[in-house]
């Protein structure tokens, strides 16, 4: 497709991305796959595009009757039993419990490291985590989550939306319920059944040569990114902290299998991961009555649920139907799923702090003409 080639080549020429891979699929069928500069088997850091995989993992436990979405997270993680809220007048006791649903919808009040008071407190914790991440004393997933629980919330749970570490807490919930590491559960229930052989929380030595360089934009140029992010390791060994919010590495081939499973309403090539009803649940916005003042700038026309954006109306700038869902990552990877046409798009790039939403809207426009 020359139109897709032109979109990606323009982004490369304008120093927005170094290279890319693009895949467009209708249900389980490949409509288009192409690599640009990057080799076909390149491994990418997913960062926040890990979150939809975590949502799927949590919903497998929901389907097994292992958890209730309205259940307090303190049922599994007692450290969340008594929480506090940071206010302009000081810290006050929280009046409502954080539920599993709050974690899935980013309405928990748990923040990421940021510039405000709670964000600075969280940054202090992640400085400690980062200092030990490559050592034998690295904090485990459960230890990191205890550190998160010790910080004040930014609002009463269930009242507002704020992007934060909720998915990492969900990883610990999975560990407590299953008695396995988060990595072990993902491997057994999602990654290996789907044939996602290159998706993991680290990149083995024999695959390190396939790992993409990480770039950032400085003065209009792409340069290698050197700073670390959110307590994540370089990925040279299985990490103690298996981040449900940002820790996975993957390939276009692998992540497209996850996206196609969703587009096929929970199944791919005879393997069922989720029920049809659960995947349809992903199409429902859950932000009614929620303060959305901290929504990210690219979320016009979208709501949010289950760690993913959910299309509400045409303010998104796309012709996608209501209920299209997906997410992206800190280094620019992006995916979307449209159940109406069974259409999925996966874009893999590695430019930190910059997801090219304009590029992805244009790719979606072209993809829509292919079905």
Protein backbone atom coordinates (compact mmCIF):
# COMPACT_ATOMS: atom_id res chain seq x y z
CA UNK A 1 0.00 0.00 0.00
CA UNK A 2 1.72 3.15 -1.22
CA UNK A 3 -0.38 5.34 1.07
CA UNK A 4 0.96 3.58 4.17
CA UNK A 5 4.52 3.68 2.84
CA UNK A 6 4.20 7.44 2.32
CA UNK A 7 2.85 8.04 5.85
CA UNK A 8 5.72 6.17 7.50
CA UNK A 9 8.41 7.57 5.22
CA UNK A 10 7.24 11.10 6.00
CA UNK A 11 7.52 10.41 9.74
CA UNK A 12 11.04 9.03 9.25
CA UNK A 13 12.14 11.97 7.08
CA UNK A 14 10.79 14.45 9.65
CA UNK A 15 12.79 12.78 12.44
CA UNK A 16 9.72 11.71 14.39
CA UNK A 17 10.67 8.03 14.22
CA UNK A 18 13.82 6.13 13.24
CA UNK A 19 12.02 3.11 11.84
CA UNK A 20 8.73 1.28 12.20
CA UNK A 21 6.66 -1.79 11.60
CA UNK A 22 2.97 -1.62 10.71
CA UNK A 23 0.42 -4.42 10.72
CA UNK A 24 -3.24 -4.26 9.69
CA UNK A 25 -5.50 -7.25 10.22
CA UNK A 26 -9.12 -8.27 9.81
CA UNK A 27 -9.94 -10.78 12.50
CA UNK A 28 -7.30 -13.51 12.04
CA UNK A 29 -6.32 -12.46 8.50
CA UNK A 30 -3.25 -10.37 7.63
CA UNK A 31 -4.22 -7.45 5.37
CA UNK A 32 -0.88 -5.64 5.49
CA UNK A 33 2.48 -6.06 7.23
CA UNK A 34 5.58 -4.05 6.46
CA UNK A 35 8.82 -3.09 8.16
CA UNK A 36 10.56 0.25 7.58
CA UNK A 37 14.30 0.43 8.45
CA UNK A 38 13.71 -1.99 11.35
CA UNK A 39 14.24 -5.70 10.67
CA UNK A 40 11.11 -7.91 10.58
CA UNK A 41 12.05 -9.69 13.83
CA UNK A 42 12.92 -6.53 15.80
CA UNK A 43 12.04 -6.64 19.49
CA UNK A 44 10.47 -3.49 20.94
CA UNK A 45 9.90 -2.15 24.45
CA UNK A 46 6.14 -1.93 24.89
CA UNK A 47 6.11 0.28 27.98
CA UNK A 48 2.44 1.16 28.57
CA UNK A 49 1.23 -1.12 25.78
CA UNK A 50 1.85 -3.77 28.46
CA UNK A 51 -1.31 -2.53 30.21
CA UNK A 52 -3.87 -4.15 27.86
CA UNK A 53 -2.15 -7.51 28.40
CA UNK A 54 -2.50 -6.95 32.14
CA UNK A 55 -6.20 -6.12 31.70
CA UNK A 56 -6.63 -9.40 29.82
CA UNK A 57 -4.80 -11.31 32.57
CA UNK A 58 -7.05 -9.84 35.26
CA UNK A 59 -10.15 -10.71 33.24
CA UNK A 60 -9.04 -14.35 32.92
CA UNK A 61 -9.17 -14.48 36.72
CA UNK A 62 -12.55 -12.75 36.67
CA UNK A 63 -13.84 -15.41 34.29
CA UNK A 64 -12.58 -18.13 36.64
CA UNK A 65 -14.48 -16.57 39.54
CA UNK A 66 -11.25 -15.71 41.35
CA UNK A 67 -12.08 -12.03 41.85
CA UNK A 68 -14.97 -9.58 41.85
CA UNK A 69 -14.40 -6.32 39.98
CA UNK A 70 -16.10 -4.36 42.78
CA UNK A 71 -14.04 -6.08 45.47
CA UNK A 72 -11.61 -3.94 47.53
CA UNK A 73 -8.04 -4.54 46.41
CA UNK A 74 -7.17 -4.85 50.12
CA UNK A 75 -8.80 -8.30 49.98
CA UNK A 76 -5.65 -9.42 48.19
CA UNK A 77 -3.17 -6.71 49.23
CA UNK A 78 -3.76 -5.74 52.89
CA UNK A 79 -1.40 -2.76 52.59
CA UNK A 80 -4.22 -0.96 50.77
CA UNK A 81 -6.59 -1.39 53.72
CA UNK A 82 -6.15 2.11 55.13
CA UNK A 83 -5.28 4.81 52.62
CA UNK A 84 -4.76 8.55 52.79
CA UNK A 85 -5.47 11.35 50.33
CA UNK A 86 -3.15 14.27 49.59
CA UNK A 87 -5.09 17.57 49.66
CA UNK A 88 -4.17 21.26 49.67
CA UNK A 89 -4.91 21.24 53.40
CA UNK A 90 -2.75 18.23 54.19
CA UNK A 91 -3.32 14.48 54.23
CA UNK A 92 -6.78 13.15 55.13
CA UNK A 93 -8.06 9.62 55.60
CA UNK A 94 -9.62 7.96 52.57
CA UNK A 95 -13.34 7.25 52.92
CA UNK A 96 -13.69 4.62 50.17
CA UNK A 97 -11.70 1.48 49.34
CA UNK A 98 -9.85 1.09 46.06
CA UNK A 99 -11.61 -1.62 44.06
CA UNK A 100 -10.26 -3.88 41.32
CA UNK A 101 -12.43 -1.90 38.89
CA UNK A 102 -10.80 1.34 40.07
CA UNK A 103 -7.40 -0.11 39.19
CA UNK A 104 -8.60 -1.20 35.74
CA UNK A 105 -10.13 2.22 35.07
CA UNK A 106 -7.34 4.41 36.50
CA UNK A 107 -9.80 5.81 39.05
CA UNK A 108 -7.80 4.52 42.03
CA UNK A 109 -6.10 7.82 42.89
CA UNK A 110 -2.68 6.17 42.48
CA UNK A 111 -0.39 8.39 40.43
CA UNK A 112 2.82 8.06 38.46
CA UNK A 113 5.93 10.04 39.44
CA UNK A 114 5.02 13.62 38.54
CA UNK A 115 5.58 17.29 39.35
CA UNK A 116 2.86 17.78 41.98
CA UNK A 117 3.05 16.77 45.65
CA UNK A 118 1.90 13.14 45.36
CA UNK A 119 3.90 12.75 42.15
CA UNK A 120 7.10 13.94 43.83
CA UNK A 121 6.56 11.50 46.70
CA UNK A 122 6.11 8.69 44.20
CA UNK A 123 9.25 9.80 42.36
CA UNK A 124 11.23 9.41 45.58
CA UNK A 125 10.09 5.78 45.79
CA UNK A 126 11.01 5.10 42.18
CA UNK A 127 14.44 6.65 42.70
CA UNK A 128 14.99 3.95 45.35
CA UNK A 129 13.65 1.26 43.03
CA UNK A 130 15.83 2.44 40.14
CA UNK A 131 18.97 2.49 42.29
CA UNK A 132 18.69 -1.25 42.93
CA UNK A 133 17.05 -2.47 39.74
CA UNK A 134 20.17 -4.09 38.25
CA UNK A 135 21.41 -5.54 41.56
CA UNK A 136 20.73 -8.71 43.53
CA UNK A 137 18.79 -6.49 45.98
CA UNK A 138 16.25 -5.35 43.37
CA UNK A 139 12.75 -4.86 44.72
CA UNK A 140 10.18 -7.51 43.77
CA UNK A 141 6.75 -6.78 42.33
CA UNK A 142 5.15 -7.19 45.77
CA UNK A 143 7.76 -4.94 47.41
CA UNK A 144 7.25 -2.22 44.80
CA UNK A 145 3.49 -2.37 45.33
CA UNK A 146 3.93 -2.00 49.09
CA UNK A 147 5.94 1.16 48.40
CA UNK A 148 3.12 2.41 46.16
CA UNK A 149 0.54 1.70 48.87
CA UNK A 150 2.53 3.76 51.38
CA UNK A 151 2.02 6.93 49.32
CA UNK A 152 -1.06 9.19 49.59
CA UNK A 153 -3.70 9.01 46.89
CA UNK A 154 -4.49 12.02 44.72
CA UNK A 155 -8.27 11.77 45.18
CA UNK A 156 -11.05 9.62 46.63
CA UNK A 157 -11.14 6.33 44.67
CA UNK A 158 -13.85 6.14 42.03
CA UNK A 159 -14.31 9.91 41.68
CA UNK A 160 -11.68 10.99 39.13
CA UNK A 161 -9.26 9.68 36.50
CA UNK A 162 -5.48 9.93 36.67
CA UNK A 163 -2.89 7.96 34.78
CA UNK A 164 -0.76 6.03 37.22
CA UNK A 165 0.60 2.78 38.61
CA UNK A 166 -2.72 0.95 38.89
CA UNK A 167 -1.68 -1.74 36.39
CA UNK A 168 1.43 -2.52 38.44
CA UNK A 169 -0.77 -3.07 41.48
CA UNK A 170 -2.91 -5.43 39.39
CA UNK A 171 0.20 -7.47 38.61
CA UNK A 172 0.63 -8.03 42.34
CA UNK A 173 -3.07 -8.95 42.66
CA UNK A 174 -2.50 -11.65 40.04
CA UNK A 175 0.50 -12.95 41.99
CA UNK A 176 -1.46 -13.21 45.25
CA UNK A 177 -4.47 -14.94 43.68
CA UNK A 178 -2.45 -17.44 41.64
CA UNK A 179 0.55 -18.02 43.90
CA UNK A 180 2.76 -17.52 40.84
CA UNK A 181 4.98 -14.70 39.67
CA UNK A 182 3.21 -12.31 37.34
CA UNK A 183 5.49 -13.44 34.51
CA UNK A 184 4.66 -17.11 35.09
CA UNK A 185 0.92 -16.44 34.97
CA UNK A 186 1.14 -14.37 31.78
CA UNK A 187 3.23 -17.06 30.11
CA UNK A 188 0.82 -19.85 31.03
CA UNK A 189 -2.48 -18.10 30.35
CA UNK A 190 -1.82 -15.64 27.51
CA UNK A 191 1.63 -15.45 25.93
CA UNK A 192 2.46 -19.10 25.21
CA UNK A 193 -1.11 -20.15 24.30
CA UNK A 194 -1.14 -17.33 21.72
CA UNK A 195 2.28 -18.27 20.36
CA UNK A 196 3.85 -14.99 21.53
CA UNK A 197 7.31 -16.54 21.76
CA UNK A 198 9.29 -13.29 21.76
CA UNK A 199 7.20 -11.48 24.41
CA UNK A 200 8.63 -11.36 27.91
CA UNK A 201 9.81 -9.09 30.71
CA UNK A 202 13.38 -9.47 29.46
CA UNK A 203 15.29 -10.25 26.27
CA UNK A 204 17.48 -13.39 26.47
CA UNK A 205 21.11 -13.12 25.45
CA UNK A 206 20.54 -14.99 22.18
CA UNK A 207 17.93 -12.39 21.14
CA UNK A 208 19.68 -9.21 22.32
CA UNK A 209 20.89 -8.41 18.81
CA UNK A 210 17.26 -8.03 17.74
CA UNK A 211 16.39 -5.41 20.39
CA UNK A 212 15.61 -2.01 18.89
CA UNK A 213 17.65 1.05 19.72
CA UNK A 214 15.67 3.50 21.84
CA UNK A 215 15.49 7.10 20.58
CA UNK A 216 14.38 10.50 21.81
CA UNK A 217 13.85 13.80 20.00
CA UNK A 218 16.26 16.64 20.86
CA UNK A 219 16.41 19.89 18.88
CA UNK A 220 14.45 18.30 16.05
CA UNK A 221 16.84 15.35 15.77
CA UNK A 222 16.62 11.74 16.88
CA UNK A 223 19.34 10.74 19.33
CA UNK A 224 19.76 7.57 21.43
CA UNK A 225 17.75 7.64 24.67
CA UNK A 226 19.91 6.93 27.72
CA UNK A 227 17.72 7.69 30.73
CA UNK A 228 15.80 4.99 32.57
CA UNK A 229 12.06 4.92 33.15
CA UNK A 230 9.73 3.75 35.95
CA UNK A 231 12.07 1.38 37.72
CA UNK A 232 12.52 -0.81 34.65
CA UNK A 233 15.71 -2.72 33.95
CA UNK A 234 17.66 -2.91 30.71
CA UNK A 235 15.96 -6.25 30.12
CA UNK A 236 19.08 -8.42 30.22
CA UNK A 237 17.61 -10.79 32.83
CA UNK A 238 14.27 -11.69 34.36
CA UNK A 239 13.43 -8.69 36.57
CA UNK A 240 12.39 -8.94 40.20
CA UNK A 241 9.82 -6.20 39.52
CA UNK A 242 7.58 -7.51 36.74
CA UNK A 243 5.74 -4.34 35.81
CA UNK A 244 2.14 -4.90 34.76
CA UNK A 245 2.07 -1.32 33.56
CA UNK A 246 5.18 -1.04 31.43
CA UNK A 247 7.49 -4.06 31.59
CA UNK A 248 7.00 -6.19 28.48
CA UNK A 249 9.14 -6.51 25.35
CA UNK A 250 7.49 -7.80 22.17
CA UNK A 251 7.50 -7.91 18.37
CA UNK A 252 4.98 -6.92 15.72
CA UNK A 253 4.34 -10.61 15.02
CA UNK A 254 3.61 -11.32 18.68
CA UNK A 255 1.58 -8.28 19.61
CA UNK A 256 -0.51 -8.60 16.47
CA UNK A 257 -1.53 -12.05 17.71
CA UNK A 258 -2.79 -10.45 20.92
CA UNK A 259 -4.64 -7.75 18.94
CA UNK A 260 -6.13 -10.31 16.55
CA UNK A 261 -7.30 -12.45 19.48
CA UNK A 262 -9.24 -9.43 20.72
CA UNK A 263 -10.56 -8.65 17.22
CA UNK A 264 -11.78 -12.27 17.04
CA UNK A 265 -13.62 -11.72 20.33
CA UNK A 266 -11.25 -13.68 22.53
CA UNK A 267 -9.97 -16.51 20.35
CA UNK A 268 -7.22 -17.06 17.77
CA UNK A 269 -6.53 -20.19 15.72
CA UNK A 270 -8.67 -22.34 17.97
CA UNK A 271 -7.21 -21.04 21.25
CA UNK A 272 -9.64 -19.14 23.45
CA UNK A 273 -8.11 -16.64 25.90
CA UNK A 274 -11.20 -14.60 26.85
CA UNK A 275 -14.94 -15.01 26.41
CA UNK A 276 -16.82 -13.00 23.80
CA UNK A 277 -18.68 -11.19 26.55
CA UNK A 278 -15.44 -10.08 28.21
CA UNK A 279 -14.01 -8.67 24.98
CA UNK A 280 -17.26 -6.84 24.31
CA UNK A 281 -16.97 -5.43 27.84
CA UNK A 282 -13.75 -3.75 26.66
CA UNK A 283 -15.81 -1.63 24.23
CA UNK A 284 -17.76 0.10 27.01
CA UNK A 285 -16.59 3.46 28.33
CA UNK A 286 -16.69 3.59 32.15
CA UNK A 287 -16.07 7.29 32.74
CA UNK A 288 -19.66 8.42 33.35
CA UNK A 289 -19.71 10.65 36.44
CA UNK A 290 -15.90 10.63 36.66
CA UNK A 291 -13.81 13.83 36.78
CA UNK A 292 -11.83 13.63 33.52
CA UNK A 293 -9.89 16.88 33.90
CA UNK A 294 -6.58 14.97 33.90
CA UNK A 295 -7.34 13.02 30.72
CA UNK A 296 -4.29 12.90 28.43
CA UNK A 297 -4.28 15.43 25.59
CA UNK A 298 -4.75 12.82 22.85
CA UNK A 299 -7.94 11.39 24.39
CA UNK A 300 -10.48 13.73 22.79
CA UNK A 301 -13.47 11.69 21.65
CA UNK A 302 -12.42 8.78 23.85
CA UNK A 303 -13.41 7.45 27.22
CA UNK A 304 -11.43 4.90 29.21
CA UNK A 305 -11.90 1.45 30.71
CA UNK A 306 -9.83 -1.64 31.43
CA UNK A 307 -6.50 0.18 31.00
CA UNK A 308 -7.45 1.26 27.46
CA UNK A 309 -9.01 4.17 25.62
CA UNK A 310 -12.53 3.54 24.29
CA UNK A 311 -13.96 5.48 21.35
CA UNK A 312 -17.05 7.55 22.21
CA UNK A 313 -17.54 9.94 19.30
CA UNK A 314 -16.03 11.58 16.22
CA UNK A 315 -14.07 14.12 18.28
CA UNK A 316 -11.35 11.44 18.10
CA UNK A 317 -10.68 12.55 14.53
CA UNK A 318 -11.24 9.04 13.18
CA UNK A 319 -14.07 7.22 11.43
CA UNK A 320 -13.74 4.31 13.85
CA UNK A 321 -17.02 3.11 15.34
CA UNK A 322 -18.09 3.69 18.91
CA UNK A 323 -16.38 1.12 21.12
CA UNK A 324 -13.07 0.87 19.24
CA UNK A 325 -10.41 0.34 21.92
CA UNK A 326 -6.64 0.12 22.36
CA UNK A 327 -3.62 1.88 23.87
CA UNK A 328 -0.04 2.98 23.23
CA UNK A 329 3.32 3.18 25.00
CA UNK A 330 5.94 5.69 26.17
CA UNK A 331 8.21 4.82 23.23
CA UNK A 332 5.44 5.17 20.66
CA UNK A 333 3.98 1.70 19.96
CA UNK A 334 0.24 1.85 19.28
CA UNK A 335 -2.65 -0.53 18.70
CA UNK A 336 -6.39 -0.39 18.16
CA UNK A 337 -9.18 -2.93 17.82
CA UNK A 338 -12.53 -2.37 16.09
CA UNK A 339 -14.93 -5.25 16.76
CA UNK A 340 -17.50 -3.99 14.25
CA UNK A 341 -15.24 -4.80 11.28
CA UNK A 342 -12.86 -7.12 13.13
CA UNK A 343 -10.12 -4.64 12.24
CA UNK A 344 -6.90 -4.22 14.22
CA UNK A 345 -3.88 -1.97 13.71
CA UNK A 346 -0.48 -2.41 15.37
CA UNK A 347 2.33 0.12 14.95
CA UNK A 348 5.77 -0.52 16.44
CA UNK A 349 8.23 2.36 16.90
CA UNK A 350 10.78 3.39 19.58
CA UNK A 351 10.78 7.17 20.13
CA UNK A 352 10.42 7.97 23.83
CA UNK A 353 7.85 10.38 25.19
CA UNK A 354 6.22 10.70 21.79
CA UNK A 355 3.41 8.68 20.28
CA UNK A 356 2.63 10.06 16.82
CA UNK A 357 -1.16 10.09 17.08
CA UNK A 358 -1.50 12.00 13.81
CA UNK A 359 0.42 9.28 12.01
CA UNK A 360 -1.73 6.59 13.60
CA UNK A 361 -4.98 8.39 12.73
CA UNK A 362 -3.84 8.50 9.11
CA UNK A 363 -2.94 4.81 9.21
CA UNK A 364 -6.39 4.02 10.62
CA UNK A 365 -8.02 5.99 7.82
CA UNK A 366 -6.18 3.91 5.22
CA UNK A 367 -6.84 0.68 7.11
CA UNK A 368 -10.58 1.36 7.07
CA UNK A 369 -10.56 1.27 3.26
CA UNK A 370 -9.15 -2.26 3.27
CA UNK A 371 -12.26 -3.96 4.66
